[in-house]
Amino acid sequence: MLDWLQSDPWGFLQFMLYRTPAVLLAITMHELAHGYAALKSGDTTARDMGRLSLNPLRHLDVLGTISLFLLGVGWAKPVPVNPNRFRNRRWNDMMVSLAGVTVNFLLFLLATLLAVFAGRFLYTPEALSYFGPSFFLSFQEQGFVLQLYPEFAEAIGPMIKSPALLHVQRFLIQLAMINLGMGLFNLLPIPPLDGFHVANDIFFRGRLNISGKVFRIVHMALILLLNTTNFIGNWIAQAIYAVQGAILPLFLSIFPL
């Protein structure tokens, strides 16, 4: 990303015009879901601390947000929760933990569905007949890359009926990618991610207690892994391709282009 910014700052800024609102929406809705789930479970901490807000600035974690922008996976500032206030500590803790990723997956499904509908009016019949709709909508296909990056506008131009709608489509596919990546990443059973709390509640009945110091150490190790190796990134990428590869054909069979 930094190399891209240096070599093509205008193309980088254009790309970020679509990615920025997608990232902010994914983060905000993820944390709002945690807060509302906690509130429904009897804990008012998030509400009392002003975290039930649509203001994304209240939910941003600096490193997690940068990771979302640069790597497509990341995290937000955790919503404060007091499990002692839950009506059913184990069950409610699991529901609160799953609320954020559930909203991310729902946003992925919605964005994918809207992208399919937009495709009806965006791609030329000739392009759809020759390449097929998956060429434009599958994360692994060249047509998807051509429309995702503004510098390829000339290459994708002859395949497009409505250049104005292309801007909407770029946002939708960014929204789909970011939410799916954020949801899958947060399911990893590693503290402080949501998947750790879910695994703790299912396999250890919520009895696995980790100190704040250990949480911070593991958190920093996770950040280091993300930025120095491709291990987690490659796993998430394969999971993203697998999930979208299952969902997209289903939507296209129900709503063919």
Protein backbone atom coordinates (compact mmCIF):
# COMPACT_ATOMS: atom_id res chain seq x y z
CA MET A 1 0.00 0.00 0.00
CA LEU A 2 2.78 2.46 0.89
CA ASP A 3 4.57 1.68 -2.37
CA TRP A 4 1.32 2.31 -4.22
CA LEU A 5 0.85 5.65 -2.43
CA GLN A 6 4.33 6.73 -3.50
CA SER A 7 4.08 5.54 -7.09
CA ASP A 8 0.47 6.53 -7.83
CA PRO A 9 -0.92 8.87 -5.15
CA TRP A 10 -3.98 9.81 -7.22
CA GLY A 11 -4.94 6.19 -7.86
CA PHE A 12 -4.38 5.39 -4.18
CA LEU A 13 -6.62 8.27 -3.06
CA GLN A 14 -9.36 7.23 -5.50
CA PHE A 15 -9.24 3.69 -4.13
CA MET A 16 -9.48 5.00 -0.56
CA LEU A 17 -12.57 7.06 -1.44
CA TYR A 18 -14.43 3.75 -1.72
CA ARG A 19 -12.61 1.82 1.01
CA THR A 20 -12.89 4.48 3.74
CA PRO A 21 -16.71 4.52 4.10
CA ALA A 22 -16.74 0.71 3.87
CA VAL A 23 -14.22 0.40 6.72
CA LEU A 24 -15.97 2.98 8.91
CA LEU A 25 -19.37 1.34 8.39
CA ALA A 26 -18.01 -2.14 9.16
CA ILE A 27 -16.31 -0.99 12.36
CA THR A 28 -19.23 1.10 13.59
CA MET A 29 -21.88 -1.57 13.03
CA HIS A 30 -19.66 -4.30 14.53
CA GLU A 31 -19.22 -2.42 17.79
CA LEU A 32 -22.80 -1.17 17.90
CA ALA A 33 -23.94 -4.79 17.68
CA HIS A 34 -21.76 -5.71 20.66
CA GLY A 35 -23.11 -2.80 22.69
CA TYR A 36 -26.78 -3.44 21.94
CA ALA A 37 -26.40 -7.17 22.59
CA ALA A 38 -24.84 -6.36 25.96
CA LEU A 39 -27.63 -3.90 26.73
CA LYS A 40 -30.28 -6.52 25.94
CA SER A 41 -28.37 -8.93 28.20
CA GLY A 42 -28.61 -6.55 31.16
CA ASP A 43 -25.29 -4.67 30.93
CA THR A 44 -25.59 -0.91 30.41
CA THR A 45 -21.83 -0.20 30.44
CA ALA A 46 -21.52 0.51 26.71
CA ARG A 47 -24.53 2.82 26.79
CA ASP A 48 -23.29 4.62 29.90
CA MET A 49 -19.89 5.22 28.28
CA GLY A 50 -21.36 6.58 25.04
CA ARG A 51 -20.43 3.62 22.86
CA LEU A 52 -23.94 3.07 21.47
CA SER A 53 -23.12 5.67 18.86
CA LEU A 54 -23.11 5.89 15.07
CA ASN A 55 -20.03 8.11 15.31
CA PRO A 56 -17.21 5.88 13.98
CA LEU A 57 -14.59 7.90 15.87
CA ARG A 58 -15.88 6.41 19.12
CA HIS A 59 -15.11 2.90 17.88
CA LEU A 60 -11.78 3.24 16.06
CA ASP A 61 -8.70 1.38 17.24
CA VAL A 62 -5.72 3.02 15.54
CA LEU A 63 -3.78 -0.16 14.72
CA GLY A 64 -6.89 -2.19 13.92
CA THR A 65 -8.19 0.48 11.56
CA ILE A 66 -4.84 0.80 9.78
CA SER A 67 -4.80 -2.99 9.41
CA LEU A 68 -8.29 -2.92 7.88
CA PHE A 69 -7.22 -0.28 5.36
CA LEU A 70 -3.94 -1.92 4.41
CA LEU A 71 -4.66 -5.65 4.83
CA GLY A 72 -8.45 -5.88 4.63
CA VAL A 73 -8.64 -7.51 8.09
CA GLY A 74 -8.60 -5.78 11.45
CA TRP A 75 -10.48 -4.87 14.60
CA ALA A 76 -12.14 -1.98 16.41
CA LYS A 77 -11.83 -0.57 19.92
CA PRO A 78 -13.57 -3.18 22.12
CA VAL A 79 -16.89 -2.11 23.57
CA PRO A 80 -16.66 -2.07 27.39
CA VAL A 81 -18.66 -4.94 28.85
CA ASN A 82 -19.29 -6.03 32.44
CA PRO A 83 -20.17 -9.76 32.34
CA ASN A 84 -21.22 -9.62 36.00
CA ARG A 85 -24.34 -7.75 34.89
CA PHE A 86 -25.40 -10.40 32.38
CA ARG A 87 -28.57 -12.33 33.19
CA ASN A 88 -26.87 -15.54 32.06
CA ARG A 89 -23.15 -14.95 32.10
CA ARG A 90 -21.99 -17.74 29.81
CA TRP A 91 -24.83 -17.57 27.28
CA ASN A 92 -24.96 -13.77 27.15
CA ASP A 93 -21.18 -13.48 26.83
CA MET A 94 -21.28 -15.75 23.80
CA MET A 95 -24.20 -13.84 22.26
CA VAL A 96 -22.45 -10.49 22.78
CA SER A 97 -19.26 -11.88 21.24
CA LEU A 98 -21.11 -13.24 18.21
CA ALA A 99 -23.19 -10.09 17.67
CA GLY A 100 -20.42 -8.13 15.97
CA VAL A 101 -19.37 -10.79 13.46
CA THR A 102 -23.02 -11.62 12.77
CA VAL A 103 -23.63 -8.03 11.70
CA ASN A 104 -20.48 -8.12 9.56
CA PHE A 105 -21.69 -11.27 7.80
CA LEU A 106 -25.14 -9.74 7.27
CA LEU A 107 -23.55 -6.63 5.75
CA PHE A 108 -21.45 -8.87 3.50
CA LEU A 109 -24.59 -10.66 2.30
CA LEU A 110 -26.45 -7.39 1.76
CA ALA A 111 -23.56 -5.77 -0.12
CA THR A 112 -23.13 -8.87 -2.29
CA LEU A 113 -26.84 -8.98 -3.09
CA LEU A 114 -26.87 -5.28 -3.98
CA ALA A 115 -23.77 -5.76 -6.15
CA VAL A 116 -25.59 -8.52 -8.04
CA PHE A 117 -28.59 -6.22 -8.59
CA ALA A 118 -26.32 -3.36 -9.66
CA GLY A 119 -24.66 -5.70 -12.14
CA ARG A 120 -27.94 -5.95 -14.05
CA PHE A 121 -27.63 -2.30 -14.99
CA LEU A 122 -23.84 -1.95 -14.99
CA TYR A 123 -22.35 -4.59 -17.28
CA THR A 124 -23.04 -4.77 -21.01
CA PRO A 125 -24.91 -7.83 -22.32
CA GLU A 126 -21.94 -8.62 -24.57
CA ALA A 127 -19.51 -8.65 -21.63
CA LEU A 128 -21.83 -10.79 -19.52
CA SER A 129 -22.35 -13.22 -22.39
CA TYR A 130 -18.63 -13.52 -23.12
CA PHE A 131 -17.14 -13.51 -19.61
CA GLY A 132 -20.07 -14.48 -17.35
CA PRO A 133 -21.21 -12.57 -14.25
CA SER A 134 -18.67 -14.20 -11.92
CA PHE A 135 -15.89 -12.54 -13.92
CA PHE A 136 -17.02 -9.20 -12.48
CA LEU A 137 -18.23 -10.24 -9.03
CA SER A 138 -15.94 -13.03 -7.81
CA PHE A 139 -13.09 -11.77 -5.61
CA GLN A 140 -10.69 -14.07 -7.47
CA GLU A 141 -11.51 -12.97 -11.01
CA GLN A 142 -9.68 -10.44 -13.18
CA GLY A 143 -12.83 -8.47 -13.97
CA PHE A 144 -13.38 -7.89 -10.27
CA VAL A 145 -9.88 -6.41 -9.97
CA LEU A 146 -10.38 -4.24 -13.06
CA GLN A 147 -13.44 -2.55 -11.62
CA LEU A 148 -12.09 -2.37 -8.05
CA TYR A 149 -9.08 -0.21 -8.93
CA PRO A 150 -9.80 3.15 -10.61
CA GLU A 151 -6.54 3.08 -12.61
CA PHE A 152 -8.06 0.28 -14.72
CA ALA A 153 -11.03 2.45 -15.75
CA GLU A 154 -10.03 2.41 -19.42
CA ALA A 155 -9.77 -1.38 -19.48
CA ILE A 156 -13.17 -1.93 -17.85
CA GLY A 157 -14.84 0.96 -19.73
CA PRO A 158 -16.04 -0.99 -22.81
CA MET A 159 -17.74 -3.55 -20.55
CA ILE A 160 -19.72 -0.95 -18.61
CA LYS A 161 -23.11 0.55 -19.49
CA SER A 162 -23.24 3.14 -16.72
CA PRO A 163 -19.95 4.75 -15.60
CA ALA A 164 -21.80 6.52 -12.77
CA LEU A 165 -23.06 3.21 -11.37
CA LEU A 166 -19.49 1.89 -11.37
CA HIS A 167 -18.77 4.18 -8.39
CA VAL A 168 -21.60 2.57 -6.44
CA GLN A 169 -20.38 -0.89 -7.39
CA ARG A 170 -16.86 -0.13 -6.21
CA PHE A 171 -18.22 0.83 -2.80
CA LEU A 172 -20.43 -2.27 -2.61
CA ILE A 173 -17.64 -4.72 -3.40
CA GLN A 174 -15.37 -2.96 -0.91
CA LEU A 175 -18.15 -3.19 1.69
CA ALA A 176 -18.57 -6.90 0.97
CA MET A 177 -14.83 -7.63 1.19
CA ILE A 178 -14.18 -5.61 4.33
CA ASN A 179 -17.13 -7.04 6.27
CA LEU A 180 -16.38 -10.63 5.30
CA GLY A 181 -12.71 -10.19 6.17
CA MET A 182 -13.49 -8.51 9.49
CA GLY A 183 -16.05 -11.17 10.41
CA LEU A 184 -13.76 -14.11 9.63
CA PHE A 185 -10.74 -12.53 11.30
CA ASN A 186 -12.65 -11.85 14.51
CA LEU A 187 -13.74 -15.49 14.67
CA LEU A 188 -10.15 -16.60 15.22
CA PRO A 189 -9.97 -18.12 18.75
CA ILE A 190 -7.17 -15.77 19.78
CA PRO A 191 -7.50 -13.18 22.55
CA PRO A 192 -8.72 -10.47 22.41
CA LEU A 193 -10.78 -11.41 19.33
CA ASP A 194 -14.44 -12.43 19.56
CA GLY A 195 -13.62 -16.00 18.59
CA PHE A 196 -11.66 -16.45 21.82
CA HIS A 197 -14.70 -15.55 23.93
CA VAL A 198 -16.92 -17.90 21.91
CA ALA A 199 -14.42 -20.77 22.23
CA ASN A 200 -14.05 -20.08 25.95
CA ASP A 201 -17.81 -20.17 26.48
CA ILE A 202 -18.32 -23.34 24.41
CA PHE A 203 -15.32 -25.46 25.41
CA PHE A 204 -14.38 -24.11 28.84
CA ARG A 205 -17.82 -22.93 30.01
CA GLY A 206 -16.41 -19.42 30.41
CA ARG A 207 -13.93 -20.48 33.07
CA LEU A 208 -10.75 -19.66 31.13
CA ASN A 209 -9.67 -16.34 32.63
CA ILE A 210 -6.79 -14.43 31.04
CA SER A 211 -5.32 -11.34 32.66
CA GLY A 212 -5.29 -7.98 30.94
CA LYS A 213 -1.51 -8.18 30.67
CA VAL A 214 -1.65 -11.49 28.78
CA PHE A 215 -4.38 -10.09 26.53
CA ARG A 216 -2.14 -7.16 25.62
CA ILE A 217 0.87 -9.40 24.97
CA VAL A 218 -1.12 -11.73 22.70
CA HIS A 219 -2.66 -8.70 21.00
CA MET A 220 0.77 -7.26 20.19
CA ALA A 221 1.97 -10.67 18.98
CA LEU A 222 -1.05 -10.84 16.68
CA ILE A 223 -0.28 -7.39 15.28
CA LEU A 224 3.34 -8.46 14.73
CA LEU A 225 2.25 -11.61 12.90
CA LEU A 226 -0.10 -9.65 10.67
CA ASN A 227 2.57 -7.19 9.67
CA THR A 228 5.59 -9.47 9.33
CA THR A 229 4.18 -12.73 7.93
CA ASN A 230 1.50 -13.83 5.48
CA PHE A 231 0.33 -16.76 7.61
CA ILE A 232 -2.88 -15.25 9.00
CA GLY A 233 -3.47 -13.12 5.92
CA ASN A 234 -3.26 -16.13 3.59
CA TRP A 235 -5.63 -18.15 5.79
CA ILE A 236 -8.16 -15.32 5.88
CA ALA A 237 -7.86 -14.82 2.12
CA GLN A 238 -8.59 -18.49 1.44
CA ALA A 239 -11.54 -18.39 3.85
CA ILE A 240 -12.86 -15.24 2.13
CA TYR A 241 -12.63 -16.89 -1.29
CA ALA A 242 -14.36 -20.03 0.01
CA VAL A 243 -17.27 -18.17 1.62
CA GLN A 244 -17.83 -15.81 -1.29
CA GLY A 245 -17.40 -18.72 -3.69
CA ALA A 246 -20.34 -20.45 -1.99
CA ILE A 247 -22.60 -17.39 -1.62
CA LEU A 248 -22.15 -15.67 -4.99
CA PRO A 249 -23.32 -18.58 -7.20
CA LEU A 250 -26.39 -18.94 -4.96
CA PHE A 251 -27.34 -15.28 -5.40
CA LEU A 252 -26.65 -15.43 -9.14
CA SER A 253 -28.87 -18.50 -9.49
CA ILE A 254 -31.73 -16.71 -7.72
CA PHE A 255 -31.14 -13.33 -9.38
CA PRO A 256 -29.44 -14.06 -12.73
CA LEU A 257 -27.89 -11.16 -14.65
